[in-house]
């Protein structure tokens, strides 16, 4: 299963305390926390991401996209 959650700007904790998000679900989701810095702080990752996206595009569309 592929699940992606994007936290709201105010954070899940505020939603739980305000009764707008289930606390039992928050507990289950907060077992693993991944802190990923923004891409602007990981500039070395940009060429890897571009290559990955181009490879996937090429595979899905049967077209070869040149990359140097």
N, C-alpha and C. Protein backbone atom coordinates (compact mmCIF):
# COMPACT_ATOMS: atom_id res chain seq x y z
N UNK A 1 0.84 -1.16 0.00
CA UNK A 1 0.00 0.00 0.00
C UNK A 1 0.89 1.23 0.00
N UNK A 2 0.57 2.19 -0.85
CA UNK A 2 1.32 3.43 -0.94
C UNK A 2 0.46 4.55 -0.37
N UNK A 3 0.88 5.11 0.74
CA UNK A 3 0.11 6.15 1.41
C UNK A 3 0.98 7.37 1.59
N UNK A 4 0.44 8.51 1.25
CA UNK A 4 1.17 9.76 1.44
C UNK A 4 0.28 10.74 2.19
N UNK A 5 0.79 11.24 3.27
CA UNK A 5 0.06 12.25 4.05
C UNK A 5 0.85 13.53 4.04
N UNK A 6 0.19 14.60 3.70
CA UNK A 6 0.81 15.91 3.76
C UNK A 6 0.19 16.62 4.95
N UNK A 7 1.00 16.93 5.95
CA UNK A 7 0.43 17.54 7.15
C UNK A 7 -0.11 18.93 6.87
N UNK A 8 -1.20 19.28 7.52
CA UNK A 8 -1.74 20.63 7.36
C UNK A 8 -0.79 21.64 7.99
N UNK A 9 -0.89 22.91 7.57
CA UNK A 9 0.03 23.93 8.11
C UNK A 9 0.03 24.03 9.63
N UNK A 10 -1.12 23.82 10.25
CA UNK A 10 -1.18 23.94 11.71
C UNK A 10 -0.73 22.68 12.42
N UNK A 11 -0.49 21.59 11.67
CA UNK A 11 -0.03 20.35 12.26
C UNK A 11 -1.20 19.49 12.73
N UNK A 12 -0.97 18.19 12.76
CA UNK A 12 -2.02 17.26 13.18
C UNK A 12 -2.35 17.40 14.66
N UNK A 13 -1.36 17.78 15.46
CA UNK A 13 -1.61 17.89 16.90
C UNK A 13 -2.75 18.86 17.20
N UNK A 14 -2.75 20.01 16.52
CA UNK A 14 -3.82 20.99 16.74
C UNK A 14 -5.17 20.46 16.28
N UNK A 15 -5.16 19.71 15.19
CA UNK A 15 -6.42 19.13 14.70
C UNK A 15 -6.95 18.10 15.68
N UNK A 16 -6.06 17.31 16.26
CA UNK A 16 -6.48 16.30 17.25
C UNK A 16 -7.05 16.99 18.47
N UNK A 17 -6.34 17.99 18.97
CA UNK A 17 -6.82 18.68 20.19
C UNK A 17 -8.12 19.43 19.93
N UNK A 18 -8.35 19.85 18.68
CA UNK A 18 -9.59 20.54 18.33
C UNK A 18 -10.71 19.59 17.95
N UNK A 19 -10.44 18.29 17.99
CA UNK A 19 -11.47 17.31 17.68
C UNK A 19 -11.75 17.15 16.19
N UNK A 20 -10.85 17.64 15.34
CA UNK A 20 -11.07 17.55 13.89
C UNK A 20 -10.30 16.41 13.24
N UNK A 21 -9.48 15.71 14.03
CA UNK A 21 -8.74 14.56 13.54
C UNK A 21 -8.73 13.52 14.64
N UNK A 22 -8.99 12.27 14.28
CA UNK A 22 -9.08 11.21 15.30
C UNK A 22 -7.74 10.98 15.97
N UNK A 23 -7.76 10.97 17.31
CA UNK A 23 -6.51 10.78 18.04
C UNK A 23 -5.95 9.37 17.89
N UNK A 24 -6.82 8.37 17.76
CA UNK A 24 -6.32 7.00 17.58
C UNK A 24 -5.63 6.84 16.22
N UNK A 25 -6.16 7.51 15.20
CA UNK A 25 -5.53 7.47 13.88
C UNK A 25 -4.21 8.22 13.90
N UNK A 26 -4.18 9.36 14.58
CA UNK A 26 -2.93 10.12 14.71
C UNK A 26 -1.86 9.27 15.40
N UNK A 27 -2.25 8.55 16.44
CA UNK A 27 -1.30 7.71 17.17
C UNK A 27 -0.71 6.65 16.24
N UNK A 28 -1.57 6.01 15.44
CA UNK A 28 -1.10 4.97 14.52
C UNK A 28 -0.19 5.55 13.44
N UNK A 29 -0.51 6.72 12.96
CA UNK A 29 0.29 7.34 11.90
C UNK A 29 1.61 7.91 12.41
N UNK A 30 1.66 8.27 13.67
CA UNK A 30 2.86 8.92 14.20
C UNK A 30 3.90 7.93 14.71
N UNK A 31 3.71 6.65 14.45
CA UNK A 31 4.68 5.64 14.86
C UNK A 31 6.01 5.88 14.18
N UNK A 32 5.97 6.22 12.89
CA UNK A 32 7.18 6.49 12.13
C UNK A 32 7.11 7.93 11.63
N UNK A 33 8.10 8.70 12.00
CA UNK A 33 8.16 10.08 11.53
C UNK A 33 9.39 10.23 10.64
N UNK A 34 9.17 10.76 9.47
CA UNK A 34 10.27 11.00 8.53
C UNK A 34 10.42 12.50 8.37
N UNK A 35 11.56 12.99 8.75
CA UNK A 35 11.84 14.42 8.62
C UNK A 35 12.71 14.61 7.40
N UNK A 36 12.14 15.14 6.35
CA UNK A 36 12.85 15.32 5.09
C UNK A 36 13.05 16.81 4.86
N UNK A 37 14.29 17.26 4.78
CA UNK A 37 14.54 18.68 4.54
C UNK A 37 14.00 19.08 3.16
N UNK A 38 13.69 20.35 2.98
CA UNK A 38 13.20 20.80 1.68
C UNK A 38 14.25 20.59 0.59
N UNK A 39 13.79 20.46 -0.62
CA UNK A 39 14.69 20.22 -1.75
C UNK A 39 15.70 21.35 -1.91
N UNK A 40 15.34 22.55 -1.55
CA UNK A 40 16.29 23.67 -1.66
C UNK A 40 17.51 23.48 -0.77
N UNK A 41 17.38 22.61 0.24
CA UNK A 41 18.51 22.30 1.10
C UNK A 41 19.22 21.01 0.68
N UNK A 42 18.73 20.38 -0.38
CA UNK A 42 19.31 19.13 -0.86
C UNK A 42 19.58 19.23 -2.36
N UNK A 43 20.26 20.26 -2.77
CA UNK A 43 20.48 20.52 -4.20
C UNK A 43 21.14 19.35 -4.92
N UNK A 44 21.95 18.58 -4.23
CA UNK A 44 22.61 17.43 -4.85
C UNK A 44 21.61 16.36 -5.28
N UNK A 45 20.41 16.39 -4.73
CA UNK A 45 19.39 15.40 -5.08
C UNK A 45 18.67 15.74 -6.40
N UNK A 46 18.76 16.97 -6.84
CA UNK A 46 18.01 17.40 -8.03
C UNK A 46 18.37 16.59 -9.27
N UNK A 47 19.66 16.41 -9.62
CA UNK A 47 19.96 15.60 -10.80
C UNK A 47 19.44 14.16 -10.68
N UNK A 48 19.51 13.58 -9.50
CA UNK A 48 18.99 12.21 -9.30
C UNK A 48 17.48 12.15 -9.52
N UNK A 49 16.78 13.15 -9.02
CA UNK A 49 15.32 13.19 -9.20
C UNK A 49 14.95 13.39 -10.67
N UNK A 50 15.66 14.30 -11.35
CA UNK A 50 15.38 14.54 -12.77
C UNK A 50 15.60 13.26 -13.57
N UNK A 51 16.70 12.57 -13.32
CA UNK A 51 16.98 11.32 -14.04
C UNK A 51 15.90 10.28 -13.76
N UNK A 52 15.48 10.18 -12.51
CA UNK A 52 14.43 9.23 -12.16
C UNK A 52 13.13 9.55 -12.89
N UNK A 53 12.73 10.83 -12.90
CA UNK A 53 11.50 11.23 -13.58
C UNK A 53 11.59 10.99 -15.08
N UNK A 54 12.75 11.31 -15.68
CA UNK A 54 12.92 11.10 -17.11
C UNK A 54 12.89 9.61 -17.47
N UNK A 55 13.53 8.78 -16.64
CA UNK A 55 13.50 7.34 -16.87
C UNK A 55 12.07 6.80 -16.81
N UNK A 56 11.32 7.25 -15.83
CA UNK A 56 9.93 6.80 -15.69
C UNK A 56 9.09 7.28 -16.87
N UNK A 57 9.27 8.54 -17.28
CA UNK A 57 8.55 9.08 -18.43
C UNK A 57 8.87 8.27 -19.68
N UNK A 58 10.16 7.98 -19.88
CA UNK A 58 10.60 7.22 -21.05
C UNK A 58 9.96 5.85 -21.09
N UNK A 59 9.95 5.18 -19.94
CA UNK A 59 9.35 3.84 -19.85
C UNK A 59 7.86 3.88 -20.14
N UNK A 60 7.16 4.83 -19.54
CA UNK A 60 5.70 4.89 -19.69
C UNK A 60 5.26 5.31 -21.09
N UNK A 61 6.08 6.12 -21.76
CA UNK A 61 5.67 6.69 -23.05
C UNK A 61 6.43 6.13 -24.24
N UNK A 62 7.35 5.21 -23.97
CA UNK A 62 8.09 4.61 -25.07
C UNK A 62 8.96 5.59 -25.83
N UNK A 63 9.38 6.65 -25.15
CA UNK A 63 10.22 7.66 -25.79
C UNK A 63 11.49 7.80 -24.98
N UNK A 64 12.58 7.96 -25.68
CA UNK A 64 13.86 8.16 -25.00
C UNK A 64 14.12 9.65 -24.88
N UNK A 65 14.31 10.12 -23.68
CA UNK A 65 14.61 11.54 -23.43
C UNK A 65 16.09 11.63 -23.10
N UNK A 66 16.85 12.37 -23.90
CA UNK A 66 18.28 12.47 -23.64
C UNK A 66 18.56 13.24 -22.34
N UNK A 67 19.56 12.79 -21.64
CA UNK A 67 19.93 13.40 -20.36
C UNK A 67 21.46 13.35 -20.25
N UNK A 68 22.04 14.48 -19.95
CA UNK A 68 23.50 14.49 -19.85
C UNK A 68 23.96 14.75 -18.45
